[in-house]
Amino acid sequence: MKYSENRAGAGWKVLTARERDVIHPVAEGKSNKLIASELGISMRTVEAHRARIFYKMGVRNAAQLARSVCISPEPDSLLDLHSINPDDPD
């Protein structure tokens, strides 16, 4: 599989929507079989997404991925946290 050089270790900004669906279960240590079942895709598809996620996030295994996800959470989730208004009574 060929990857463009500028994507290696590029992080969240280059992940596809499906890779974003797969990244958290992988980081949680779920098996490819379980992830496939939960997402309704084949185990081979999960394996392919997992390989691309590792490449794009610049990690070699799920433990490194989990650490990376904890240290640098998905940018969209940070935007949600910043949009909370502490003065809003709701």
N, C-alpha and C. Protein backbone atom coordinates (compact mmCIF):
# COMPACT_ATOMS: atom_id res chain seq x y z
N MET A 1 0.83 -1.16 0.00
CA MET A 1 0.00 0.00 0.00
C MET A 1 0.89 1.24 0.00
N LYS A 2 0.62 2.16 -0.89
CA LYS A 2 1.41 3.39 -0.96
C LYS A 2 0.73 4.48 -0.15
N TYR A 3 1.53 5.22 0.57
CA TYR A 3 1.05 6.37 1.33
C TYR A 3 1.82 7.59 0.85
N SER A 4 1.16 8.73 0.83
CA SER A 4 1.92 9.93 0.48
C SER A 4 2.76 10.31 1.68
N GLU A 5 3.93 10.78 1.43
CA GLU A 5 4.89 11.08 2.49
C GLU A 5 4.37 12.13 3.46
N ASN A 6 3.56 13.08 2.98
CA ASN A 6 3.12 14.16 3.85
C ASN A 6 2.02 13.72 4.82
N ARG A 7 1.55 12.49 4.74
CA ARG A 7 0.50 12.01 5.64
C ARG A 7 1.05 11.23 6.82
N ALA A 8 2.27 10.76 6.73
CA ALA A 8 2.83 9.97 7.82
C ALA A 8 2.93 10.83 9.07
N GLY A 9 2.25 10.39 10.13
CA GLY A 9 2.28 11.10 11.39
C GLY A 9 1.53 12.42 11.37
N ALA A 10 0.67 12.64 10.38
CA ALA A 10 -0.03 13.92 10.24
C ALA A 10 -1.11 14.12 11.29
N GLY A 11 -1.61 13.03 11.86
CA GLY A 11 -2.59 13.14 12.94
C GLY A 11 -4.03 13.22 12.49
N TRP A 12 -4.85 13.78 13.36
CA TRP A 12 -6.30 13.79 13.18
C TRP A 12 -6.76 14.40 11.87
N LYS A 13 -6.09 15.44 11.39
CA LYS A 13 -6.59 16.19 10.24
C LYS A 13 -6.68 15.37 8.95
N VAL A 14 -5.97 14.26 8.85
CA VAL A 14 -6.00 13.46 7.62
C VAL A 14 -6.82 12.18 7.75
N LEU A 15 -7.41 11.93 8.90
CA LEU A 15 -8.23 10.73 9.08
C LEU A 15 -9.56 10.88 8.36
N THR A 16 -10.01 9.79 7.75
CA THR A 16 -11.32 9.78 7.13
C THR A 16 -12.39 9.62 8.23
N ALA A 17 -13.65 9.82 7.85
CA ALA A 17 -14.74 9.67 8.81
C ALA A 17 -14.77 8.25 9.38
N ARG A 18 -14.57 7.25 8.56
CA ARG A 18 -14.61 5.86 9.04
C ARG A 18 -13.41 5.57 9.93
N GLU A 19 -12.25 6.12 9.59
CA GLU A 19 -11.09 5.93 10.45
C GLU A 19 -11.33 6.56 11.82
N ARG A 20 -12.05 7.68 11.85
CA ARG A 20 -12.41 8.30 13.13
C ARG A 20 -13.38 7.41 13.92
N ASP A 21 -14.23 6.66 13.21
CA ASP A 21 -15.13 5.71 13.87
C ASP A 21 -14.35 4.56 14.49
N VAL A 22 -13.25 4.18 13.86
CA VAL A 22 -12.48 3.01 14.26
C VAL A 22 -11.42 3.34 15.32
N ILE A 23 -10.94 4.56 15.33
CA ILE A 23 -9.78 4.89 16.17
C ILE A 23 -10.04 4.70 17.66
N HIS A 24 -11.19 5.11 18.16
CA HIS A 24 -11.43 5.00 19.60
C HIS A 24 -11.56 3.55 20.06
N PRO A 25 -12.33 2.70 19.36
CA PRO A 25 -12.36 1.29 19.78
C PRO A 25 -10.98 0.62 19.74
N VAL A 26 -10.16 0.97 18.75
CA VAL A 26 -8.81 0.41 18.69
C VAL A 26 -8.01 0.88 19.90
N ALA A 27 -8.10 2.18 20.20
CA ALA A 27 -7.36 2.73 21.33
C ALA A 27 -7.85 2.15 22.66
N GLU A 28 -9.12 1.74 22.70
CA GLU A 28 -9.68 1.12 23.91
C GLU A 28 -9.25 -0.34 24.05
N GLY A 29 -8.62 -0.88 23.02
CA GLY A 29 -8.13 -2.26 23.08
C GLY A 29 -9.13 -3.29 22.59
N LYS A 30 -10.19 -2.85 21.92
CA LYS A 30 -11.17 -3.80 21.39
C LYS A 30 -10.56 -4.58 20.23
N SER A 31 -11.02 -5.81 20.07
CA SER A 31 -10.51 -6.65 18.98
C SER A 31 -11.08 -6.20 17.64
N ASN A 32 -10.36 -6.55 16.58
CA ASN A 32 -10.83 -6.23 15.24
C ASN A 32 -12.19 -6.86 14.98
N LYS A 33 -12.37 -8.09 15.47
CA LYS A 33 -13.63 -8.80 15.28
C LYS A 33 -14.78 -8.07 15.95
N LEU A 34 -14.59 -7.59 17.17
CA LEU A 34 -15.63 -6.87 17.89
C LEU A 34 -15.93 -5.53 17.22
N ILE A 35 -14.90 -4.81 16.81
CA ILE A 35 -15.09 -3.53 16.13
C ILE A 35 -15.89 -3.74 14.84
N ALA A 36 -15.52 -4.77 14.09
CA ALA A 36 -16.22 -5.09 12.84
C ALA A 36 -17.70 -5.36 13.11
N SER A 37 -17.97 -6.12 14.13
CA SER A 37 -19.35 -6.44 14.48
C SER A 37 -20.13 -5.19 14.88
N GLU A 38 -19.52 -4.35 15.70
CA GLU A 38 -20.19 -3.12 16.15
C GLU A 38 -20.46 -2.14 15.02
N LEU A 39 -19.55 -2.07 14.05
CA LEU A 39 -19.69 -1.11 12.95
C LEU A 39 -20.37 -1.70 11.72
N GLY A 40 -20.59 -3.01 11.72
CA GLY A 40 -21.25 -3.65 10.58
C GLY A 40 -20.36 -3.70 9.34
N ILE A 41 -19.06 -3.89 9.56
CA ILE A 41 -18.12 -4.00 8.45
C ILE A 41 -17.31 -5.28 8.65
N SER A 42 -16.53 -5.66 7.63
CA SER A 42 -15.75 -6.89 7.75
C SER A 42 -14.52 -6.67 8.62
N MET A 43 -14.02 -7.77 9.16
CA MET A 43 -12.83 -7.71 9.99
C MET A 43 -11.63 -7.24 9.15
N ARG A 44 -11.57 -7.65 7.91
CA ARG A 44 -10.49 -7.23 7.02
C ARG A 44 -10.52 -5.72 6.80
N THR A 45 -11.71 -5.14 6.71
CA THR A 45 -11.85 -3.69 6.55
C THR A 45 -11.33 -2.98 7.80
N VAL A 46 -11.65 -3.52 8.97
CA VAL A 46 -11.14 -2.94 10.22
C VAL A 46 -9.61 -3.00 10.22
N GLU A 47 -9.04 -4.12 9.80
CA GLU A 47 -7.59 -4.26 9.76
C GLU A 47 -6.97 -3.20 8.85
N ALA A 48 -7.60 -2.95 7.71
CA ALA A 48 -7.09 -1.94 6.78
C ALA A 48 -7.17 -0.54 7.39
N HIS A 49 -8.31 -0.22 8.00
CA HIS A 49 -8.45 1.08 8.65
C HIS A 49 -7.42 1.24 9.77
N ARG A 50 -7.25 0.19 10.54
CA ARG A 50 -6.31 0.20 11.65
C ARG A 50 -4.89 0.49 11.16
N ALA A 51 -4.48 -0.15 10.08
CA ALA A 51 -3.14 0.07 9.52
C ALA A 51 -2.97 1.52 9.06
N ARG A 52 -3.99 2.05 8.40
CA ARG A 52 -3.91 3.44 7.95
C ARG A 52 -3.92 4.41 9.12
N ILE A 53 -4.69 4.11 10.16
CA ILE A 53 -4.72 4.96 11.36
C ILE A 53 -3.34 5.00 12.00
N PHE A 54 -2.72 3.85 12.18
CA PHE A 54 -1.39 3.78 12.79
C PHE A 54 -0.41 4.64 11.99
N TYR A 55 -0.46 4.50 10.67
CA TYR A 55 0.44 5.26 9.79
C TYR A 55 0.19 6.76 9.93
N LYS A 56 -1.07 7.16 9.81
CA LYS A 56 -1.41 8.57 9.83
C LYS A 56 -1.17 9.21 11.20
N MET A 57 -1.34 8.45 12.26
CA MET A 57 -1.13 8.98 13.61
C MET A 57 0.33 8.85 14.04
N GLY A 58 1.15 8.17 13.24
CA GLY A 58 2.57 8.04 13.54
C GLY A 58 2.87 7.12 14.72
N VAL A 59 2.07 6.05 14.85
CA VAL A 59 2.28 5.09 15.94
C VAL A 59 2.50 3.70 15.37
N ARG A 60 2.99 2.79 16.22
CA ARG A 60 3.27 1.42 15.77
C ARG A 60 2.34 0.38 16.37
N ASN A 61 1.61 0.74 17.43
CA ASN A 61 0.73 -0.25 18.06
C ASN A 61 -0.42 0.45 18.79
N ALA A 62 -1.36 -0.34 19.28
CA ALA A 62 -2.56 0.20 19.93
C ALA A 62 -2.24 0.94 21.22
N ALA A 63 -1.20 0.51 21.93
CA ALA A 63 -0.82 1.20 23.17
C ALA A 63 -0.34 2.62 22.86
N GLN A 64 0.47 2.76 21.84
CA GLN A 64 0.94 4.09 21.43
C GLN A 64 -0.24 4.93 20.94
N LEU A 65 -1.17 4.29 20.23
CA LEU A 65 -2.35 5.00 19.74
C LEU A 65 -3.17 5.52 20.91
N ALA A 66 -3.39 4.68 21.91
CA ALA A 66 -4.17 5.09 23.09
C ALA A 66 -3.52 6.28 23.77
N ARG A 67 -2.21 6.25 23.90
CA ARG A 67 -1.49 7.37 24.51
C ARG A 67 -1.66 8.63 23.67
N SER A 68 -1.54 8.49 22.37
CA SER A 68 -1.68 9.63 21.46
C SER A 68 -3.08 10.23 21.54
N VAL A 69 -4.10 9.37 21.59
CA VAL A 69 -5.48 9.85 21.67
C VAL A 69 -5.73 10.57 23.00
N CYS A 70 -5.13 10.09 24.07
CA CYS A 70 -5.28 10.75 25.38
C CYS A 70 -4.57 12.09 25.42
N ILE A 71 -3.38 12.15 24.84
CA ILE A 71 -2.59 13.38 24.87
C ILE A 71 -3.16 14.43 23.92
N SER A 72 -3.57 14.00 22.73
CA SER A 72 -4.11 14.91 21.71
C SER A 72 -5.48 14.42 21.27
N PRO A 73 -6.53 14.76 22.03
CA PRO A 73 -7.86 14.30 21.64
C PRO A 73 -8.29 14.90 20.30
N GLU A 74 -9.30 14.29 19.72
CA GLU A 74 -9.82 14.74 18.44
C GLU A 74 -10.18 16.22 18.50
N PRO A 75 -9.73 17.01 17.53
CA PRO A 75 -9.99 18.45 17.55
C PRO A 75 -11.47 18.82 17.65
N ASP A 76 -12.37 18.06 17.01
CA ASP A 76 -13.79 18.37 17.06
C ASP A 76 -14.33 18.26 18.48
N SER A 77 -13.82 17.30 19.26
CA SER A 77 -14.31 17.15 20.62
C SER A 77 -13.85 18.31 21.48
N LEU A 78 -12.70 18.90 21.15
CA LEU A 78 -12.23 20.08 21.88
C LEU A 78 -13.12 21.28 21.58
N LEU A 79 -13.57 21.39 20.33
CA LEU A 79 -14.46 22.50 19.98
C LEU A 79 -15.76 22.41 20.76
N ASP A 80 -16.27 21.20 20.94
CA ASP A 80 -17.50 21.01 21.70
C ASP A 80 -17.32 21.47 23.15
N LEU A 81 -16.15 21.19 23.73
CA LEU A 81 -15.89 21.60 25.10
C LEU A 81 -15.78 23.11 25.21
N HIS A 82 -15.20 23.77 24.21
CA HIS A 82 -15.03 25.21 24.24
C HIS A 82 -16.34 25.95 23.97
N SER A 83 -17.31 25.28 23.37
CA SER A 83 -18.57 25.94 23.06
C SER A 83 -19.53 25.97 24.25
N ILE A 84 -19.17 25.31 25.35
CA ILE A 84 -20.01 25.31 26.53
C ILE A 84 -19.92 26.68 27.19
N ASN A 85 -21.06 27.28 27.44
CA ASN A 85 -21.10 28.60 28.05
C ASN A 85 -21.33 28.44 29.55
N PRO A 86 -20.35 28.80 30.38
CA PRO A 86 -20.52 28.61 31.84
C PRO A 86 -21.59 29.52 32.43
N ASP A 87 -21.95 30.60 31.73
CA ASP A 87 -22.97 31.52 32.22
C ASP A 87 -24.40 31.05 31.90
N ASP A 88 -24.50 30.03 31.02
CA ASP A 88 -25.82 29.51 30.62
C ASP A 88 -26.37 28.62 31.74
N PRO A 89 -27.58 28.90 32.23
CA PRO A 89 -28.14 28.13 33.36
C PRO A 89 -28.50 26.69 32.99
N ASP A 90 -28.61 26.35 31.71
CA ASP A 90 -28.98 24.97 31.31
C ASP A 90 -27.87 24.03 31.44
